[in-house]
Amino acid sequence: MSVDWTRTYTTISPNVQQIAQQTFVKLLKEKDIVCKDFPALRCTKMQTTVAQAETEEQEFNEFFNYLNFTLED
């Protein structure tokens, strides 16, 4: 494997943020984005959501907690 260190990429660079935002708007206009209610995977250590592709399935003998929230108008 060889690496070209002159070609860098970061997910937080302004250029990458702009590309992601433009792509999101394009997909939204084309109706290729679907909004649905579903559970989100969340990392309790990093306090952020996690893509399912980044997880490993393991069996645990634990409880799954459902939290119900009531919204007021």
Foldseek 3Di string as FASTA:
>chain_A
DDDDVVDDDDCPDPVNVVVVVVVVVVCVVVVVDDDDDDDFDADPVVGGTDDPVPDDDDDDPDDDDDDDDDDDD
